[in-house]
């Protein structure tokens, strides 16, 4: 297995509302089959898929599927951009869980939950500068 993530699929209850949230953040949908919303990212795709259909596909009930215990990370180039993006997410309908603040390891970050509770960390890591297309690599893009 190669060391990469190709597709991040979020199981969602209201696909239209959540798609509108990400579009309000400035993301653009790409063509996809009915019942799926996709946003191409840098090297991956974020997919929105009905929660009940995802649970059925996996072979679990929605209750057994539950909520993932993970965060999605989005790194930005500057410390100031963390607060700016948290504010934009809040304006689009997110709940800010942790405002922008310095972190013990020398970075700056905050968290928000999208309208269906998926948690995003917005971070500036001065030790991992982004590449020319915004690509992130631990310890900096080559």
C-alpha atoms as a PDB file:
ATOM      1  CA  UNK A   1       0.000   0.000   0.000  1.00  0.00           C
ATOM      2  CA  UNK A   2       1.421   3.386  -0.997  1.00  0.00           C
ATOM      3  CA  UNK A   3       1.673   6.071   1.677  1.00  0.00           C
ATOM      4  CA  UNK A   4      -1.185   8.356   0.589  1.00  0.00           C
ATOM      5  CA  UNK A   5      -4.857   9.103   1.020  1.00  0.00           C
ATOM      6  CA  UNK A   6      -6.782   9.301  -2.244  1.00  0.00           C
ATOM      7  CA  UNK A   7     -10.340   9.973  -1.136  1.00  0.00           C
ATOM      8  CA  UNK A   8     -11.822  11.240   2.112  1.00  0.00           C
ATOM      9  CA  UNK A   9     -15.516  10.361   2.300  1.00  0.00           C
ATOM     10  CA  UNK A  10     -17.737  12.063   4.841  1.00  0.00           C
ATOM     11  CA  UNK A  11     -21.028  10.355   5.626  1.00  0.00           C
ATOM     12  CA  UNK A  12     -23.589  13.167   5.828  1.00  0.00           C
ATOM     13  CA  UNK A  13     -27.266  13.528   6.703  1.00  0.00           C
ATOM     14  CA  UNK A  14     -28.005  16.568   4.492  1.00  0.00           C
ATOM     15  CA  UNK A  15     -25.765  16.427   1.436  1.00  0.00           C
ATOM     16  CA  UNK A  16     -27.138  19.616  -0.162  1.00  0.00           C
ATOM     17  CA  UNK A  17     -26.636  21.704   2.982  1.00  0.00           C
ATOM     18  CA  UNK A  18     -23.129  20.407   3.591  1.00  0.00           C
ATOM     19  CA  UNK A  19     -22.166  20.916  -0.055  1.00  0.00           C
ATOM     20  CA  UNK A  20     -23.395  24.516   0.243  1.00  0.00           C
ATOM     21  CA  UNK A  21     -21.228  24.962   3.360  1.00  0.00           C
ATOM     22  CA  UNK A  22     -18.054  23.897   1.536  1.00  0.00           C
ATOM     23  CA  UNK A  23     -18.993  25.988  -1.472  1.00  0.00           C
ATOM     24  CA  UNK A  24     -19.391  28.982   0.875  1.00  0.00           C
ATOM     25  CA  UNK A  25     -15.752  28.396   1.871  1.00  0.00           C
ATOM     26  CA  UNK A  26     -14.829  28.829  -1.793  1.00  0.00           C
ATOM     27  CA  UNK A  27     -14.568  25.174  -2.835  1.00  0.00           C
ATOM     28  CA  UNK A  28     -15.737  24.086  -6.300  1.00  0.00           C
ATOM     29  CA  UNK A  29     -17.553  20.836  -6.996  1.00  0.00           C
ATOM     30  CA  UNK A  30     -16.374  18.485  -9.687  1.00  0.00           C
ATOM     31  CA  UNK A  31     -18.621  16.301 -11.801  1.00  0.00           C
ATOM     32  CA  UNK A  32     -19.768  13.220  -9.939  1.00  0.00           C
ATOM     33  CA  UNK A  33     -22.579  10.647 -10.055  1.00  0.00           C
ATOM     34  CA  UNK A  34     -25.981  11.498  -8.596  1.00  0.00           C
ATOM     35  CA  UNK A  35     -26.025  11.157  -4.826  1.00  0.00           C
ATOM     36  CA  UNK A  36     -22.337  12.034  -4.422  1.00  0.00           C
ATOM     37  CA  UNK A  37     -20.748  15.457  -4.125  1.00  0.00           C
ATOM     38  CA  UNK A  38     -17.008  15.690  -4.757  1.00  0.00           C
ATOM     39  CA  UNK A  39     -14.439  18.441  -4.329  1.00  0.00           C
ATOM     40  CA  UNK A  40     -10.979  17.870  -5.812  1.00  0.00           C
ATOM     41  CA  UNK A  41      -8.229  18.848  -3.389  1.00  0.00           C
ATOM     42  CA  UNK A  42      -4.485  18.979  -3.913  1.00  0.00           C
ATOM     43  CA  UNK A  43      -3.751  15.299  -4.528  1.00  0.00           C
ATOM     44  CA  UNK A  44      -6.999  13.967  -2.998  1.00  0.00           C
ATOM     45  CA  UNK A  45     -10.753  14.334  -3.252  1.00  0.00           C
ATOM     46  CA  UNK A  46     -13.257  15.084  -0.504  1.00  0.00           C
ATOM     47  CA  UNK A  47     -16.509  13.238  -1.104  1.00  0.00           C
ATOM     48  CA  UNK A  48     -19.869  13.815   0.560  1.00  0.00           C
ATOM     49  CA  UNK A  49     -22.054  10.711   0.611  1.00  0.00           C
ATOM     50  CA  UNK A  50     -25.384  10.021   2.317  1.00  0.00           C
ATOM     51  CA  UNK A  51     -24.730   8.631   5.794  1.00  0.00           C
ATOM     52  CA  UNK A  52     -27.331   5.856   5.517  1.00  0.00           C
ATOM     53  CA  UNK A  53     -25.933   4.742   2.149  1.00  0.00           C
ATOM     54  CA  UNK A  54     -22.377   4.740   3.533  1.00  0.00           C
ATOM     55  CA  UNK A  55     -23.420   2.629   6.520  1.00  0.00           C
ATOM     56  CA  UNK A  56     -25.258   0.193   4.228  1.00  0.00           C
ATOM     57  CA  UNK A  57     -22.249  -0.033   1.899  1.00  0.00           C
ATOM     58  CA  UNK A  58     -19.970  -0.887   4.839  1.00  0.00           C
ATOM     59  CA  UNK A  59     -22.511  -3.304   6.300  1.00  0.00           C
ATOM     60  CA  UNK A  60     -23.162  -1.437   9.548  1.00  0.00           C
ATOM     61  CA  UNK A  61     -26.118   0.428  10.988  1.00  0.00           C
ATOM     62  CA  UNK A  62     -25.827   4.214  11.162  1.00  0.00           C
ATOM     63  CA  UNK A  63     -25.644   3.907  14.958  1.00  0.00           C
ATOM     64  CA  UNK A  64     -22.802   1.369  14.728  1.00  0.00           C
ATOM     65  CA  UNK A  65     -20.979   3.556  12.208  1.00  0.00           C
ATOM     66  CA  UNK A  66     -21.183   6.485  14.631  1.00  0.00           C
ATOM     67  CA  UNK A  67     -18.916   9.488  14.256  1.00  0.00           C
ATOM     68  CA  UNK A  68     -15.301   9.080  13.284  1.00  0.00           C
ATOM     69  CA  UNK A  69     -12.770   9.933  15.968  1.00  0.00           C
ATOM     70  CA  UNK A  70     -10.543  12.018  13.757  1.00  0.00           C
ATOM     71  CA  UNK A  71      -9.894  15.530  12.582  1.00  0.00           C
ATOM     72  CA  UNK A  72      -9.259  16.810   9.104  1.00  0.00           C
ATOM     73  CA  UNK A  73      -6.300  19.173   8.928  1.00  0.00           C
ATOM     74  CA  UNK A  74      -5.897  22.201   6.688  1.00  0.00           C
ATOM     75  CA  UNK A  75      -2.578  24.028   6.891  1.00  0.00           C
ATOM     76  CA  UNK A  76      -2.174  27.652   5.866  1.00  0.00           C
ATOM     77  CA  UNK A  77       0.879  29.732   4.997  1.00  0.00           C
ATOM     78  CA  UNK A  78       0.681  32.346   7.766  1.00  0.00           C
ATOM     79  CA  UNK A  79      -0.370  32.566  11.393  1.00  0.00           C
ATOM     80  CA  UNK A  80      -2.958  35.280  10.597  1.00  0.00           C
ATOM     81  CA  UNK A  81      -4.691  33.024   8.068  1.00  0.00           C
ATOM     82  CA  UNK A  82      -5.765  30.647  10.860  1.00  0.00           C
ATOM     83  CA  UNK A  83      -8.127  33.204  12.442  1.00  0.00           C
ATOM     84  CA  UNK A  84      -9.257  34.417   9.005  1.00  0.00           C
ATOM     85  CA  UNK A  85     -10.255  30.921   7.912  1.00  0.00           C
ATOM     86  CA  UNK A  86     -11.961  30.127  11.219  1.00  0.00           C
ATOM     87  CA  UNK A  87     -14.022  33.312  10.812  1.00  0.00           C
ATOM     88  CA  UNK A  88     -14.917  32.394   7.216  1.00  0.00           C
ATOM     89  CA  UNK A  89     -15.988  28.924   8.331  1.00  0.00           C
ATOM     90  CA  UNK A  90     -18.134  30.404  11.112  1.00  0.00           C
ATOM     91  CA  UNK A  91     -19.766  32.782   8.640  1.00  0.00           C
ATOM     92  CA  UNK A  92     -20.506  29.810   6.368  1.00  0.00           C
ATOM     93  CA  UNK A  93     -22.223  27.944   9.220  1.00  0.00           C
ATOM     94  CA  UNK A  94     -19.461  26.184  11.171  1.00  0.00           C
ATOM     95  CA  UNK A  95     -19.096  26.181  14.934  1.00  0.00           C
ATOM     96  CA  UNK A  96     -15.685  27.344  16.116  1.00  0.00           C
ATOM     97  CA  UNK A  97     -14.588  24.830  18.751  1.00  0.00           C
ATOM     98  CA  UNK A  98     -11.232  26.405  19.590  1.00  0.00           C
ATOM     99  CA  UNK A  99     -10.226  29.900  18.498  1.00  0.00           C
ATOM    100  CA  UNK A 100      -6.877  30.561  16.855  1.00  0.00           C
ATOM    101  CA  UNK A 101      -4.047  30.303  19.367  1.00  0.00           C
ATOM    102  CA  UNK A 102      -0.410  29.383  19.732  1.00  0.00           C
ATOM    103  CA  UNK A 103       0.407  25.702  20.299  1.00  0.00           C
ATOM    104  CA  UNK A 104       3.085  24.306  22.619  1.00  0.00           C
ATOM    105  CA  UNK A 105       5.119  22.916  19.709  1.00  0.00           C
ATOM    106  CA  UNK A 106       5.564  26.357  18.091  1.00  0.00           C
ATOM    107  CA  UNK A 107       2.668  26.484  15.666  1.00  0.00           C
ATOM    108  CA  UNK A 108      -0.692  28.255  15.689  1.00  0.00           C
ATOM    109  CA  UNK A 109      -4.070  26.560  15.255  1.00  0.00           C
ATOM    110  CA  UNK A 110      -7.801  26.399  15.954  1.00  0.00           C
ATOM    111  CA  UNK A 111     -10.694  23.999  15.323  1.00  0.00           C
ATOM    112  CA  UNK A 112     -14.163  24.192  13.811  1.00  0.00           C
ATOM    113  CA  UNK A 113     -16.971  21.703  13.255  1.00  0.00           C
ATOM    114  CA  UNK A 114     -18.821  21.824   9.948  1.00  0.00           C
ATOM    115  CA  UNK A 115     -22.640  21.892  10.100  1.00  0.00           C
ATOM    116  CA  UNK A 116     -22.759  18.093  10.521  1.00  0.00           C
ATOM    117  CA  UNK A 117     -20.017  17.905  13.144  1.00  0.00           C
ATOM    118  CA  UNK A 118     -16.944  16.920  11.092  1.00  0.00           C
ATOM    119  CA  UNK A 119     -14.016  18.551  12.863  1.00  0.00           C
ATOM    120  CA  UNK A 120     -11.358  20.535  11.024  1.00  0.00           C
ATOM    121  CA  UNK A 121      -8.093  21.799  12.419  1.00  0.00           C
ATOM    122  CA  UNK A 122      -6.786  24.953  10.760  1.00  0.00           C
ATOM    123  CA  UNK A 123      -3.075  25.278  11.429  1.00  0.00           C
ATOM    124  CA  UNK A 124       0.051  27.197  10.620  1.00  0.00           C
ATOM    125  CA  UNK A 125       3.170  25.089  11.102  1.00  0.00           C
ATOM    126  CA  UNK A 126       6.309  27.214  10.717  1.00  0.00           C
ATOM    127  CA  UNK A 127       8.395  24.024  10.554  1.00  0.00           C
ATOM    128  CA  UNK A 128       6.469  22.632   7.564  1.00  0.00           C
ATOM    129  CA  UNK A 129       6.141  25.375   4.946  1.00  0.00           C
ATOM    130  CA  UNK A 130       3.672  24.626   2.177  1.00  0.00           C
ATOM    131  CA  UNK A 131       4.796  23.909  -1.353  1.00  0.00           C
ATOM    132  CA  UNK A 132       4.056  26.153  -4.354  1.00  0.00           C
ATOM    133  CA  UNK A 133       0.573  24.666  -4.870  1.00  0.00           C
ATOM    134  CA  UNK A 134      -0.279  24.601  -1.162  1.00  0.00           C
ATOM    135  CA  UNK A 135       0.784  20.989  -0.698  1.00  0.00           C
ATOM    136  CA  UNK A 136       1.669  19.938   2.824  1.00  0.00           C
ATOM    137  CA  UNK A 137       4.431  17.595   3.832  1.00  0.00           C
ATOM    138  CA  UNK A 138       5.648  17.014   7.358  1.00  0.00           C
ATOM    139  CA  UNK A 139       8.860  19.066   7.738  1.00  0.00           C
ATOM    140  CA  UNK A 140       8.073  21.036   4.564  1.00  0.00           C
ATOM    141  CA  UNK A 141       7.329  20.364   0.915  1.00  0.00           C
ATOM    142  CA  UNK A 142      10.335  19.524  -1.220  1.00  0.00           C
END
